[in-house]
Each structure stands twice: as C-alpha cells, then as structure tokens.
Amino acid sequence: MQLGLIVVLNCMIGLITPPVGLCLYIVANIAKAPVMRVAVELVPFYIGLVVCLVLLIFFPQIVTILPKLAAS
C-alpha cells in the first residue's frame, strides 16, 4: 500500500513540474496564461506534495492509519 501511494504522489509531482509536466501545460492553456507564471503559482503545492512524500517515506505508519481505523 505504501509503494502505491508513493508512486501516485511521485506521478502527481511529475505531472505538474516543468518542463515535462503535461498537466501544467493543460492548465496553462485553459487559463490562457504563460507556463512559467502557472509554474510559479504552483510552488506552494510543490512544497506541500514534497513534504507529504518525505513524511510517507520516513513514517510508513501514516499510510495505514485510516485502514486500521476502518477495520476497528
């Protein structure tokens, strides 16, 4: 379960990171804004995603909190 969550989080980061981020280009096209302006506006989201990724890597117990609560 942890590996799946880490893979998905890495894909999320990759899809919004220039120069290859497909979602970044789609959002910039929809907003009719330059790609770099959109990328700069996404910096707080980059930071949040990277912090979550680091927490999940170093504390794998976080991944199983909700399933354990649901099983109880």
PDB file of N, CA and C in Angstrom:
ATOM      1  N   MET A   1       0.829  -1.179   0.000  1.00  0.00           N
ATOM      2  CA  MET A   1       0.000   0.000   0.000  1.00  0.00           C
ATOM      3  C   MET A   1       0.884   1.257   0.000  1.00  0.00           C
ATOM      4  N   GLN A   2       1.963   1.205   0.762  1.00  0.00           N
ATOM      5  CA  GLN A   2       2.842   2.360   0.819  1.00  0.00           C
ATOM      6  C   GLN A   2       3.491   2.631  -0.535  1.00  0.00           C
ATOM      7  N   LEU A   3       3.927   1.571  -1.201  1.00  0.00           N
ATOM      8  CA  LEU A   3       4.555   1.745  -2.508  1.00  0.00           C
ATOM      9  C   LEU A   3       3.582   2.380  -3.502  1.00  0.00           C
ATOM     10  N   GLY A   4       2.351   1.947  -3.508  1.00  0.00           N
ATOM     11  CA  GLY A   4       1.353   2.520  -4.408  1.00  0.00           C
ATOM     12  C   GLY A   4       1.133   3.997  -4.148  1.00  0.00           C
ATOM     13  N   LEU A   5       1.055   4.365  -2.887  1.00  0.00           N
ATOM     14  CA  LEU A   5       0.842   5.772  -2.547  1.00  0.00           C
ATOM     15  C   LEU A   5       2.050   6.622  -2.921  1.00  0.00           C
ATOM     16  N   ILE A   6       3.237   6.087  -2.726  1.00  0.00           N
ATOM     17  CA  ILE A   6       4.445   6.831  -3.093  1.00  0.00           C
ATOM     18  C   ILE A   6       4.532   7.004  -4.608  1.00  0.00           C
ATOM     19  N   VAL A   7       4.172   5.971  -5.356  1.00  0.00           N
ATOM     20  CA  VAL A   7       4.191   6.064  -6.820  1.00  0.00           C
ATOM     21  C   VAL A   7       3.195   7.116  -7.304  1.00  0.00           C
ATOM     22  N   VAL A   8       1.992   7.099  -6.740  1.00  0.00           N
ATOM     23  CA  VAL A   8       0.973   8.078  -7.148  1.00  0.00           C
ATOM     24  C   VAL A   8       1.414   9.493  -6.805  1.00  0.00           C
ATOM     25  N   LEU A   9       1.981   9.690  -5.631  1.00  0.00           N
ATOM     26  CA  LEU A   9       2.442  11.019  -5.235  1.00  0.00           C
ATOM     27  C   LEU A   9       3.583  11.492  -6.139  1.00  0.00           C
ATOM     28  N   ASN A  10       4.501  10.596  -6.483  1.00  0.00           N
ATOM     29  CA  ASN A  10       5.574  10.956  -7.408  1.00  0.00           C
ATOM     30  C   ASN A  10       5.023  11.332  -8.782  1.00  0.00           C
ATOM     31  N   CYS A  11       4.025  10.605  -9.250  1.00  0.00           N
ATOM     32  CA  CYS A  11       3.402  10.941 -10.541  1.00  0.00           C
ATOM     33  C   CYS A  11       2.725  12.303 -10.486  1.00  0.00           C
ATOM     34  N   MET A  12       2.070  12.601  -9.373  1.00  0.00           N
ATOM     35  CA  MET A  12       1.431  13.914  -9.223  1.00  0.00           C
ATOM     36  C   MET A  12       2.470  15.028  -9.324  1.00  0.00           C
ATOM     37  N   ILE A  13       3.581  14.851  -8.635  1.00  0.00           N
ATOM     38  CA  ILE A  13       4.638  15.861  -8.676  1.00  0.00           C
ATOM     39  C   ILE A  13       5.194  15.984 -10.092  1.00  0.00           C
ATOM     40  N   GLY A  14       5.395  14.863 -10.759  1.00  0.00           N
ATOM     41  CA  GLY A  14       5.937  14.890 -12.117  1.00  0.00           C
ATOM     42  C   GLY A  14       5.005  15.520 -13.129  1.00  0.00           C
ATOM     43  N   LEU A  15       3.705  15.369 -12.935  1.00  0.00           N
ATOM     44  CA  LEU A  15       2.753  15.912 -13.907  1.00  0.00           C
ATOM     45  C   LEU A  15       2.563  17.423 -13.806  1.00  0.00           C
ATOM     46  N   ILE A  16       3.018  18.024 -12.708  1.00  0.00           N
ATOM     47  CA  ILE A  16       2.883  19.483 -12.599  1.00  0.00           C
ATOM     48  C   ILE A  16       4.231  20.191 -12.564  1.00  0.00           C
ATOM     49  N   THR A  17       5.312  19.457 -12.811  1.00  0.00           N
ATOM     50  CA  THR A  17       6.651  20.047 -12.774  1.00  0.00           C
ATOM     51  C   THR A  17       7.151  20.299 -14.192  1.00  0.00           C
ATOM     52  N   PRO A  18       7.584  21.538 -14.479  1.00  0.00           N
ATOM     53  CA  PRO A  18       8.142  21.793 -15.797  1.00  0.00           C
ATOM     54  C   PRO A  18       9.484  21.086 -15.949  1.00  0.00           C
ATOM     55  N   PRO A  19       9.955  20.791 -17.110  1.00  0.00           N
ATOM     56  CA  PRO A  19       9.471  21.112 -18.433  1.00  0.00           C
ATOM     57  C   PRO A  19       8.604  20.021 -19.045  1.00  0.00           C
ATOM     58  N   VAL A  20       8.360  18.906 -18.345  1.00  0.00           N
ATOM     59  CA  VAL A  20       7.640  17.809 -18.964  1.00  0.00           C
ATOM     60  C   VAL A  20       6.224  17.648 -18.420  1.00  0.00           C
ATOM     61  N   GLY A  21       5.821  18.465 -17.471  1.00  0.00           N
ATOM     62  CA  GLY A  21       4.544  18.304 -16.803  1.00  0.00           C
ATOM     63  C   GLY A  21       3.354  18.532 -17.716  1.00  0.00           C
ATOM     64  N   LEU A  22       2.702  17.455 -18.091  1.00  0.00           N
ATOM     65  CA  LEU A  22       1.562  17.532 -19.004  1.00  0.00           C
ATOM     66  C   LEU A  22       0.420  18.342 -18.410  1.00  0.00           C
ATOM     67  N   CYS A  23       0.107  18.110 -17.152  1.00  0.00           N
ATOM     68  CA  CYS A  23      -0.993  18.850 -16.504  1.00  0.00           C
ATOM     69  C   CYS A  23      -0.694  20.340 -16.421  1.00  0.00           C
ATOM     70  N   LEU A  24       0.568  20.677 -16.250  1.00  0.00           N
ATOM     71  CA  LEU A  24       0.966  22.083 -16.208  1.00  0.00           C
ATOM     72  C   LEU A  24       0.629  22.780 -17.524  1.00  0.00           C
ATOM     73  N   TYR A  25       0.931  22.129 -18.643  1.00  0.00           N
ATOM     74  CA  TYR A  25       0.637  22.727 -19.943  1.00  0.00           C
ATOM     75  C   TYR A  25      -0.864  22.800 -20.208  1.00  0.00           C
ATOM     76  N   ILE A  26      -1.600  21.810 -19.753  1.00  0.00           N
ATOM     77  CA  ILE A  26      -3.052  21.832 -19.940  1.00  0.00           C
ATOM     78  C   ILE A  26      -3.675  22.973 -19.150  1.00  0.00           C
ATOM     79  N   VAL A  27      -3.260  23.133 -17.897  1.00  0.00           N
ATOM     80  CA  VAL A  27      -3.796  24.216 -17.061  1.00  0.00           C
ATOM     81  C   VAL A  27      -3.423  25.572 -17.640  1.00  0.00           C
ATOM     82  N   ALA A  28      -2.186  25.718 -18.101  1.00  0.00           N
ATOM     83  CA  ALA A  28      -1.762  26.995 -18.686  1.00  0.00           C
ATOM     84  C   ALA A  28      -2.560  27.314 -19.941  1.00  0.00           C
ATOM     85  N   ASN A  29      -2.878  26.298 -20.738  1.00  0.00           N
ATOM     86  CA  ASN A  29      -3.668  26.511 -21.947  1.00  0.00           C
ATOM     87  C   ASN A  29      -5.102  26.903 -21.600  1.00  0.00           C
ATOM     88  N   ILE A  30      -5.693  26.228 -20.627  1.00  0.00           N
ATOM     89  CA  ILE A  30      -7.069  26.550 -20.227  1.00  0.00           C
ATOM     90  C   ILE A  30      -7.143  27.963 -19.657  1.00  0.00           C
ATOM     91  N   ALA A  31      -6.151  28.330 -18.827  1.00  0.00           N
ATOM     92  CA  ALA A  31      -6.141  29.654 -18.195  1.00  0.00           C
ATOM     93  C   ALA A  31      -5.646  30.744 -19.137  1.00  0.00           C
ATOM     94  N   LYS A  32      -5.131  30.333 -20.301  1.00  0.00           N
ATOM     95  CA  LYS A  32      -4.554  31.283 -21.266  1.00  0.00           C
ATOM     96  C   LYS A  32      -3.483  32.142 -20.586  1.00  0.00           C
ATOM     97  N   ALA A  33      -2.627  31.460 -19.814  1.00  0.00           N
ATOM     98  CA  ALA A  33      -1.539  32.111 -19.091  1.00  0.00           C
ATOM     99  C   ALA A  33      -0.224  31.452 -19.504  1.00  0.00           C
ATOM    100  N   PRO A  34       0.881  32.182 -19.367  1.00  0.00           N
ATOM    101  CA  PRO A  34       2.181  31.581 -19.677  1.00  0.00           C
ATOM    102  C   PRO A  34       2.496  30.424 -18.723  1.00  0.00           C
ATOM    103  N   VAL A  35       3.190  29.440 -19.227  1.00  0.00           N
ATOM    104  CA  VAL A  35       3.509  28.244 -18.443  1.00  0.00           C
ATOM    105  C   VAL A  35       4.336  28.610 -17.213  1.00  0.00           C
ATOM    106  N   MET A  36       5.301  29.495 -17.358  1.00  0.00           N
ATOM    107  CA  MET A  36       6.148  29.853 -16.216  1.00  0.00           C
ATOM    108  C   MET A  36       5.355  30.555 -15.117  1.00  0.00           C
ATOM    109  N   ARG A  37       4.368  31.343 -15.494  1.00  0.00           N
ATOM    110  CA  ARG A  37       3.543  32.015 -14.479  1.00  0.00           C
ATOM    111  C   ARG A  37       2.743  30.988 -13.681  1.00  0.00           C
ATOM    112  N   VAL A  38       2.197  30.003 -14.381  1.00  0.00           N
ATOM    113  CA  VAL A  38       1.443  28.945 -13.713  1.00  0.00           C
ATOM    114  C   VAL A  38       2.380  28.123 -12.828  1.00  0.00           C
ATOM    115  N   ALA A  39       3.587  27.842 -13.314  1.00  0.00           N
ATOM    116  CA  ALA A  39       4.554  27.057 -12.539  1.00  0.00           C
ATOM    117  C   ALA A  39       4.947  27.783 -11.258  1.00  0.00           C
ATOM    118  N   VAL A  40       5.116  29.084 -11.343  1.00  0.00           N
ATOM    119  CA  VAL A  40       5.461  29.856 -10.148  1.00  0.00           C
ATOM    120  C   VAL A  40       4.302  29.848  -9.155  1.00  0.00           C
ATOM    121  N   GLU A  41       3.079  29.922  -9.646  1.00  0.00           N
ATOM    122  CA  GLU A  41       1.914  29.894  -8.763  1.00  0.00           C
ATOM    123  C   GLU A  41       1.734  28.529  -8.090  1.00  0.00           C
ATOM    124  N   LEU A  42       2.300  27.487  -8.673  1.00  0.00           N
ATOM    125  CA  LEU A  42       2.179  26.138  -8.116  1.00  0.00           C
ATOM    126  C   LEU A  42       3.232  25.816  -7.064  1.00  0.00           C
ATOM    127  N   VAL A  43       4.158  26.721  -6.800  1.00  0.00           N
ATOM    128  CA  VAL A  43       5.242  26.449  -5.847  1.00  0.00           C
ATOM    129  C   VAL A  43       4.728  26.002  -4.477  1.00  0.00           C
ATOM    130  N   PRO A  44       3.708  26.640  -3.883  1.00  0.00           N
ATOM    131  CA  PRO A  44       3.230  26.141  -2.587  1.00  0.00           C
ATOM    132  C   PRO A  44       2.711  24.699  -2.664  1.00  0.00           C
ATOM    133  N   PHE A  45       2.134  24.324  -3.786  1.00  0.00           N
ATOM    134  CA  PHE A  45       1.655  22.954  -3.951  1.00  0.00           C
ATOM    135  C   PHE A  45       2.820  21.984  -4.104  1.00  0.00           C
ATOM    136  N   TYR A  46       3.891  22.409  -4.807  1.00  0.00           N
ATOM    137  CA  TYR A  46       5.094  21.580  -4.901  1.00  0.00           C
ATOM    138  C   TYR A  46       5.633  21.282  -3.511  1.00  0.00           C
ATOM    139  N   ILE A  47       5.736  22.335  -2.713  1.00  0.00           N
ATOM    140  CA  ILE A  47       6.285  22.181  -1.360  1.00  0.00           C
ATOM    141  C   ILE A  47       5.431  21.224  -0.547  1.00  0.00           C
ATOM    142  N   GLY A  48       4.117  21.394  -0.591  1.00  0.00           N
ATOM    143  CA  GLY A  48       3.228  20.511   0.155  1.00  0.00           C
ATOM    144  C   GLY A  48       3.324  19.062  -0.296  1.00  0.00           C
ATOM    145  N   LEU A  49       3.389  18.833  -1.589  1.00  0.00           N
ATOM    146  CA  LEU A  49       3.491  17.468  -2.104  1.00  0.00           C
ATOM    147  C   LEU A  49       4.818  16.811  -1.717  1.00  0.00           C
ATOM    148  N   VAL A  50       5.899  17.576  -1.782  1.00  0.00           N
ATOM    149  CA  VAL A  50       7.202  17.023  -1.420  1.00  0.00           C
ATOM    150  C   VAL A  50       7.262  16.719   0.073  1.00  0.00           C
ATOM    151  N   VAL A  51       6.691  17.593   0.902  1.00  0.00           N
ATOM    152  CA  VAL A  51       6.651  17.334   2.347  1.00  0.00           C
ATOM    153  C   VAL A  51       5.852  16.069   2.635  1.00  0.00           C
ATOM    154  N   CYS A  52       4.702  15.908   1.988  1.00  0.00           N
ATOM    155  CA  CYS A  52       3.900  14.687   2.166  1.00  0.00           C
ATOM    156  C   CYS A  52       4.671  13.455   1.722  1.00  0.00           C
ATOM    157  N   LEU A  53       5.364  13.558   0.611  1.00  0.00           N
ATOM    158  CA  LEU A  53       6.144  12.427   0.114  1.00  0.00           C
ATOM    159  C   LEU A  53       7.233  12.035   1.101  1.00  0.00           C
ATOM    160  N   VAL A  54       7.950  13.017   1.627  1.00  0.00           N
ATOM    161  CA  VAL A  54       9.011  12.737   2.597  1.00  0.00           C
ATOM    162  C   VAL A  54       8.429  12.110   3.860  1.00  0.00           C
ATOM    163  N   LEU A  55       7.302  12.625   4.338  1.00  0.00           N
ATOM    164  CA  LEU A  55       6.666  12.051   5.528  1.00  0.00           C
ATOM    165  C   LEU A  55       6.251  10.607   5.296  1.00  0.00           C
ATOM    166  N   LEU A  56       5.693  10.315   4.130  1.00  0.00           N
ATOM    167  CA  LEU A  56       5.271   8.944   3.838  1.00  0.00           C
ATOM    168  C   LEU A  56       6.451   7.999   3.691  1.00  0.00           C
ATOM    169  N   ILE A  57       7.574   8.507   3.220  1.00  0.00           N
ATOM    170  CA  ILE A  57       8.754   7.659   3.081  1.00  0.00           C
ATOM    171  C   ILE A  57       9.345   7.329   4.449  1.00  0.00           C
ATOM    172  N   PHE A  58       9.453   8.325   5.324  1.00  0.00           N
ATOM    173  CA  PHE A  58      10.104   8.108   6.605  1.00  0.00           C
ATOM    174  C   PHE A  58       9.169   7.575   7.694  1.00  0.00           C
ATOM    175  N   PHE A  59       7.862   7.764   7.538  1.00  0.00           N
ATOM    176  CA  PHE A  59       6.893   7.272   8.516  1.00  0.00           C
ATOM    177  C   PHE A  59       5.811   6.466   7.798  1.00  0.00           C
ATOM    178  N   PRO A  60       6.088   5.221   7.449  1.00  0.00           N
ATOM    179  CA  PRO A  60       5.125   4.426   6.679  1.00  0.00           C
ATOM    180  C   PRO A  60       3.844   4.114   7.453  1.00  0.00           C
ATOM    181  N   GLN A  61       3.829   4.312   8.750  1.00  0.00           N
ATOM    182  CA  GLN A  61       2.625   4.061   9.546  1.00  0.00           C
ATOM    183  C   GLN A  61       1.488   5.014   9.166  1.00  0.00           C
ATOM    184  N   ILE A  62       1.834   6.158   8.625  1.00  0.00           N
ATOM    185  CA  ILE A  62       0.824   7.145   8.214  1.00  0.00           C
ATOM    186  C   ILE A  62      -0.103   6.544   7.161  1.00  0.00           C
ATOM    187  N   VAL A  63       0.446   5.710   6.299  1.00  0.00           N
ATOM    188  CA  VAL A  63      -0.321   5.133   5.193  1.00  0.00           C
ATOM    189  C   VAL A  63      -1.452   4.244   5.712  1.00  0.00           C
ATOM    190  N   THR A  64      -1.218   3.557   6.804  1.00  0.00           N
ATOM    191  CA  THR A  64      -2.184   2.554   7.269  1.00  0.00           C
ATOM    192  C   THR A  64      -3.088   3.049   8.397  1.00  0.00           C
ATOM    193  N   ILE A  65      -3.040   4.320   8.743  1.00  0.00           N
ATOM    194  CA  ILE A  65      -3.880   4.826   9.834  1.00  0.00           C
ATOM    195  C   ILE A  65      -5.365   4.675   9.501  1.00  0.00           C
ATOM    196  N   LEU A  66      -5.793   5.162   8.354  1.00  0.00           N
ATOM    197  CA  LEU A  66      -7.224   5.094   8.011  1.00  0.00           C
ATOM    198  C   LEU A  66      -7.729   3.662   7.826  1.00  0.00           C
ATOM    199  N   PRO A  67      -7.006   2.770   7.136  1.00  0.00           N
ATOM    200  CA  PRO A  67      -7.492   1.396   7.046  1.00  0.00           C
ATOM    201  C   PRO A  67      -7.606   0.719   8.415  1.00  0.00           C
ATOM    202  N   LYS A  68      -6.690   0.993   9.323  1.00  0.00           N
ATOM    203  CA  LYS A  68      -6.777   0.404  10.662  1.00  0.00           C
ATOM    204  C   LYS A  68      -7.977   0.940  11.423  1.00  0.00           C
ATOM    205  N   LEU A  69      -8.269   2.240  11.253  1.00  0.00           N
ATOM    206  CA  LEU A  69      -9.449   2.809  11.921  1.00  0.00           C
ATOM    207  C   LEU A  69     -10.744   2.242  11.337  1.00  0.00           C
ATOM    208  N   ALA A  70     -10.760   2.006  10.041  1.00  0.00           N
ATOM    209  CA  ALA A  70     -11.972   1.475   9.403  1.00  0.00           C
ATOM    210  C   ALA A  70     -12.203   0.019   9.805  1.00  0.00           C
ATOM    211  N   ALA A  71     -11.129  -0.728  10.041  1.00  0.00           N
ATOM    212  CA  ALA A  71     -11.262  -2.122  10.422  1.00  0.00           C
ATOM    213  C   ALA A  71     -11.718  -2.288  11.867  1.00  0.00           C
ATOM    214  N   SER A  72     -11.497  -1.289  12.674  1.00  0.00           N
ATOM    215  CA  SER A  72     -11.868  -1.388  14.094  1.00  0.00           C
ATOM    216  C   SER A  72     -13.340  -1.244  14.321  1.00  0.00           C
TER     217      SER A  72
END
